[in-house]
Amino acid sequence: MTRLEKLFYLVLIAVSNRDGVSFYSDERLAELLEIRHPHELTGTRSELVARDLIAFEQGIYQVLDLPPRPLTPGRPDTD
């Protein structure tokens, strides 16, 4: 994950309610994260959605539950 992705994720955790939901606007998040270009915010958000770390719909963010254990790239999942 990039530095911006990590920061974005941590900010969402900090500003979300107990259900992981945040109503912070993109403008406010960009201000907090010192993002100057809209494509940086949308790209970062898209990456976090693709990683199943957050959900985003109609301006509302939700931090999702993490997997029970970290996935290790290149290593088969064994139980």
N, C-alpha and C. Protein backbone atom coordinates (compact mmCIF):
# COMPACT_ATOMS: atom_id res chain seq x y z
N MET A 1 0.84 -1.18 0.00
CA MET A 1 0.00 0.00 0.00
C MET A 1 0.88 1.25 0.00
N THR A 2 0.41 2.26 -0.67
CA THR A 2 1.16 3.52 -0.70
C THR A 2 0.95 4.26 0.62
N ARG A 3 1.77 5.24 0.84
CA ARG A 3 1.65 6.07 2.04
C ARG A 3 0.28 6.74 2.08
N LEU A 4 -0.18 7.27 0.95
CA LEU A 4 -1.47 7.94 0.90
C LEU A 4 -2.62 6.97 1.19
N GLU A 5 -2.53 5.76 0.68
CA GLU A 5 -3.57 4.75 0.96
C GLU A 5 -3.64 4.45 2.45
N LYS A 6 -2.49 4.31 3.08
CA LYS A 6 -2.46 4.05 4.52
C LYS A 6 -3.05 5.21 5.31
N LEU A 7 -2.66 6.43 4.94
CA LEU A 7 -3.18 7.61 5.63
C LEU A 7 -4.68 7.75 5.45
N PHE A 8 -5.15 7.55 4.23
CA PHE A 8 -6.58 7.64 3.92
C PHE A 8 -7.35 6.64 4.79
N TYR A 9 -6.86 5.41 4.84
CA TYR A 9 -7.50 4.36 5.62
C TYR A 9 -7.53 4.72 7.10
N LEU A 10 -6.42 5.19 7.63
CA LEU A 10 -6.36 5.56 9.05
C LEU A 10 -7.28 6.73 9.37
N VAL A 11 -7.36 7.71 8.48
CA VAL A 11 -8.28 8.83 8.70
C VAL A 11 -9.71 8.33 8.72
N LEU A 12 -10.07 7.46 7.79
CA LEU A 12 -11.43 6.93 7.78
C LEU A 12 -11.74 6.17 9.07
N ILE A 13 -10.78 5.43 9.58
CA ILE A 13 -10.99 4.74 10.86
C ILE A 13 -11.23 5.77 11.97
N ALA A 14 -10.44 6.82 11.96
CA ALA A 14 -10.52 7.83 13.03
C ALA A 14 -11.83 8.61 13.01
N VAL A 15 -12.39 8.85 11.82
CA VAL A 15 -13.58 9.71 11.73
C VAL A 15 -14.88 8.93 11.56
N SER A 16 -14.81 7.62 11.57
CA SER A 16 -16.02 6.82 11.37
C SER A 16 -16.71 6.55 12.70
N ASN A 17 -18.00 6.22 12.62
CA ASN A 17 -18.76 5.88 13.82
C ASN A 17 -18.48 4.43 14.20
N ARG A 18 -19.19 3.91 15.18
CA ARG A 18 -18.90 2.56 15.67
C ARG A 18 -19.20 1.47 14.65
N ASP A 19 -19.98 1.81 13.61
CA ASP A 19 -20.25 0.86 12.53
C ASP A 19 -19.27 1.01 11.38
N GLY A 20 -18.28 1.88 11.55
CA GLY A 20 -17.28 2.09 10.51
C GLY A 20 -17.73 3.02 9.41
N VAL A 21 -18.83 3.74 9.62
CA VAL A 21 -19.40 4.62 8.59
C VAL A 21 -18.92 6.05 8.80
N SER A 22 -18.53 6.69 7.70
CA SER A 22 -18.10 8.08 7.73
C SER A 22 -18.85 8.86 6.66
N PHE A 23 -19.29 10.04 7.05
CA PHE A 23 -19.99 10.92 6.12
C PHE A 23 -19.12 12.11 5.71
N TYR A 24 -17.82 12.03 5.97
CA TYR A 24 -16.92 13.10 5.58
C TYR A 24 -16.94 13.24 4.06
N SER A 25 -16.98 14.46 3.59
CA SER A 25 -17.00 14.71 2.15
C SER A 25 -15.60 14.50 1.57
N ASP A 26 -15.55 14.30 0.26
CA ASP A 26 -14.26 14.18 -0.42
C ASP A 26 -13.44 15.45 -0.22
N GLU A 27 -14.11 16.59 -0.22
CA GLU A 27 -13.41 17.87 -0.04
C GLU A 27 -12.74 17.93 1.34
N ARG A 28 -13.45 17.50 2.37
CA ARG A 28 -12.89 17.51 3.73
C ARG A 28 -11.76 16.50 3.86
N LEU A 29 -11.94 15.32 3.30
CA LEU A 29 -10.88 14.32 3.35
C LEU A 29 -9.64 14.81 2.60
N ALA A 30 -9.84 15.43 1.45
CA ALA A 30 -8.71 15.97 0.68
C ALA A 30 -7.98 17.05 1.49
N GLU A 31 -8.75 17.85 2.20
CA GLU A 31 -8.15 18.89 3.05
C GLU A 31 -7.32 18.26 4.17
N LEU A 32 -7.88 17.27 4.85
CA LEU A 32 -7.17 16.60 5.94
C LEU A 32 -5.89 15.91 5.46
N LEU A 33 -5.96 15.33 4.27
CA LEU A 33 -4.83 14.56 3.73
C LEU A 33 -3.91 15.40 2.86
N GLU A 34 -4.23 16.69 2.73
CA GLU A 34 -3.46 17.61 1.90
C GLU A 34 -3.33 17.11 0.45
N ILE A 35 -4.45 16.65 -0.08
CA ILE A 35 -4.52 16.19 -1.47
C ILE A 35 -4.95 17.38 -2.32
N ARG A 36 -4.17 17.68 -3.33
CA ARG A 36 -4.46 18.84 -4.16
C ARG A 36 -5.15 18.51 -5.48
N HIS A 37 -5.09 17.26 -5.90
CA HIS A 37 -5.66 16.87 -7.18
C HIS A 37 -6.73 15.80 -6.97
N PRO A 38 -7.94 16.02 -7.48
CA PRO A 38 -9.05 15.08 -7.27
C PRO A 38 -8.73 13.64 -7.68
N HIS A 39 -7.92 13.47 -8.75
CA HIS A 39 -7.62 12.11 -9.20
C HIS A 39 -6.81 11.32 -8.16
N GLU A 40 -6.06 12.02 -7.31
CA GLU A 40 -5.32 11.33 -6.25
C GLU A 40 -6.28 10.72 -5.24
N LEU A 41 -7.30 11.47 -4.88
CA LEU A 41 -8.29 10.97 -3.92
C LEU A 41 -9.09 9.82 -4.52
N THR A 42 -9.58 9.99 -5.74
CA THR A 42 -10.39 8.93 -6.35
C THR A 42 -9.56 7.68 -6.62
N GLY A 43 -8.32 7.84 -7.00
CA GLY A 43 -7.45 6.68 -7.23
C GLY A 43 -7.16 5.93 -5.94
N THR A 44 -6.90 6.67 -4.88
CA THR A 44 -6.63 6.06 -3.58
C THR A 44 -7.88 5.34 -3.08
N ARG A 45 -9.03 5.99 -3.21
CA ARG A 45 -10.28 5.38 -2.78
C ARG A 45 -10.54 4.10 -3.57
N SER A 46 -10.33 4.15 -4.87
CA SER A 46 -10.55 2.96 -5.71
C SER A 46 -9.66 1.80 -5.30
N GLU A 47 -8.43 2.10 -4.95
CA GLU A 47 -7.50 1.05 -4.52
C GLU A 47 -7.95 0.42 -3.21
N LEU A 48 -8.41 1.23 -2.26
CA LEU A 48 -8.89 0.70 -0.98
C LEU A 48 -10.16 -0.12 -1.17
N VAL A 49 -11.02 0.30 -2.08
CA VAL A 49 -12.23 -0.48 -2.39
C VAL A 49 -11.82 -1.81 -3.03
N ALA A 50 -10.87 -1.78 -3.96
CA ALA A 50 -10.41 -3.00 -4.64
C ALA A 50 -9.77 -3.98 -3.66
N ARG A 51 -9.16 -3.47 -2.62
CA ARG A 51 -8.53 -4.32 -1.60
C ARG A 51 -9.54 -4.79 -0.54
N ASP A 52 -10.81 -4.42 -0.71
CA ASP A 52 -11.89 -4.76 0.24
C ASP A 52 -11.62 -4.23 1.65
N LEU A 53 -10.98 -3.06 1.72
CA LEU A 53 -10.75 -2.43 3.02
C LEU A 53 -11.85 -1.43 3.35
N ILE A 54 -12.45 -0.84 2.31
CA ILE A 54 -13.55 0.10 2.50
C ILE A 54 -14.62 -0.14 1.45
N ALA A 55 -15.80 0.36 1.76
CA ALA A 55 -16.88 0.43 0.78
C ALA A 55 -17.19 1.91 0.58
N PHE A 56 -17.63 2.28 -0.61
CA PHE A 56 -17.96 3.67 -0.89
C PHE A 56 -19.17 3.68 -1.81
N GLU A 57 -20.19 4.41 -1.39
CA GLU A 57 -21.39 4.54 -2.22
C GLU A 57 -22.07 5.86 -1.91
N GLN A 58 -22.34 6.63 -2.94
CA GLN A 58 -23.07 7.89 -2.86
C GLN A 58 -22.51 8.81 -1.77
N GLY A 59 -21.19 8.93 -1.72
CA GLY A 59 -20.55 9.84 -0.79
C GLY A 59 -20.40 9.33 0.63
N ILE A 60 -20.75 8.08 0.88
CA ILE A 60 -20.64 7.51 2.21
C ILE A 60 -19.58 6.42 2.20
N TYR A 61 -18.68 6.51 3.18
CA TYR A 61 -17.61 5.53 3.32
C TYR A 61 -17.94 4.57 4.45
N GLN A 62 -17.49 3.31 4.31
CA GLN A 62 -17.56 2.38 5.42
C GLN A 62 -16.28 1.57 5.45
N VAL A 63 -15.65 1.57 6.62
CA VAL A 63 -14.46 0.75 6.84
C VAL A 63 -14.96 -0.68 7.06
N LEU A 64 -14.42 -1.62 6.30
CA LEU A 64 -14.85 -3.01 6.37
C LEU A 64 -13.99 -3.81 7.34
N ASP A 65 -14.53 -4.93 7.78
CA ASP A 65 -13.77 -5.82 8.66
C ASP A 65 -12.55 -6.36 7.91
N LEU A 66 -11.46 -6.50 8.63
CA LEU A 66 -10.25 -7.09 8.06
C LEU A 66 -10.41 -8.61 8.03
N PRO A 67 -9.68 -9.28 7.13
CA PRO A 67 -9.71 -10.75 7.14
C PRO A 67 -9.19 -11.26 8.48
N PRO A 68 -9.57 -12.49 8.87
CA PRO A 68 -9.15 -13.01 10.17
C PRO A 68 -7.64 -13.09 10.35
N ARG A 69 -6.91 -13.26 9.25
CA ARG A 69 -5.45 -13.25 9.32
C ARG A 69 -4.93 -12.64 8.03
N PRO A 70 -3.76 -12.03 8.08
CA PRO A 70 -3.22 -11.39 6.88
C PRO A 70 -2.94 -12.40 5.77
N LEU A 71 -3.18 -11.98 4.56
CA LEU A 71 -2.86 -12.81 3.39
C LEU A 71 -1.43 -12.53 2.99
N THR A 72 -0.66 -13.57 2.78
CA THR A 72 0.72 -13.44 2.36
C THR A 72 0.81 -13.68 0.87
N PRO A 73 1.25 -12.66 0.10
CA PRO A 73 1.36 -12.86 -1.35
C PRO A 73 2.29 -14.01 -1.73
N GLY A 74 1.88 -14.79 -2.71
CA GLY A 74 2.70 -15.88 -3.21
C GLY A 74 2.70 -17.13 -2.35
N ARG A 75 1.92 -17.12 -1.30
CA ARG A 75 1.88 -18.28 -0.41
C ARG A 75 0.48 -18.89 -0.44
N PRO A 76 0.36 -20.18 -0.70
CA PRO A 76 -0.97 -20.79 -0.76
C PRO A 76 -1.67 -20.69 0.59
N ASP A 77 -2.98 -20.55 0.54
CA ASP A 77 -3.78 -20.47 1.75
C ASP A 77 -3.96 -21.88 2.31
N THR A 78 -3.41 -22.12 3.50
CA THR A 78 -3.51 -23.45 4.11
C THR A 78 -4.16 -23.34 5.47
N ASP A 79 -5.05 -24.24 5.75
CA ASP A 79 -5.70 -24.29 7.06
C ASP A 79 -5.55 -25.65 7.65
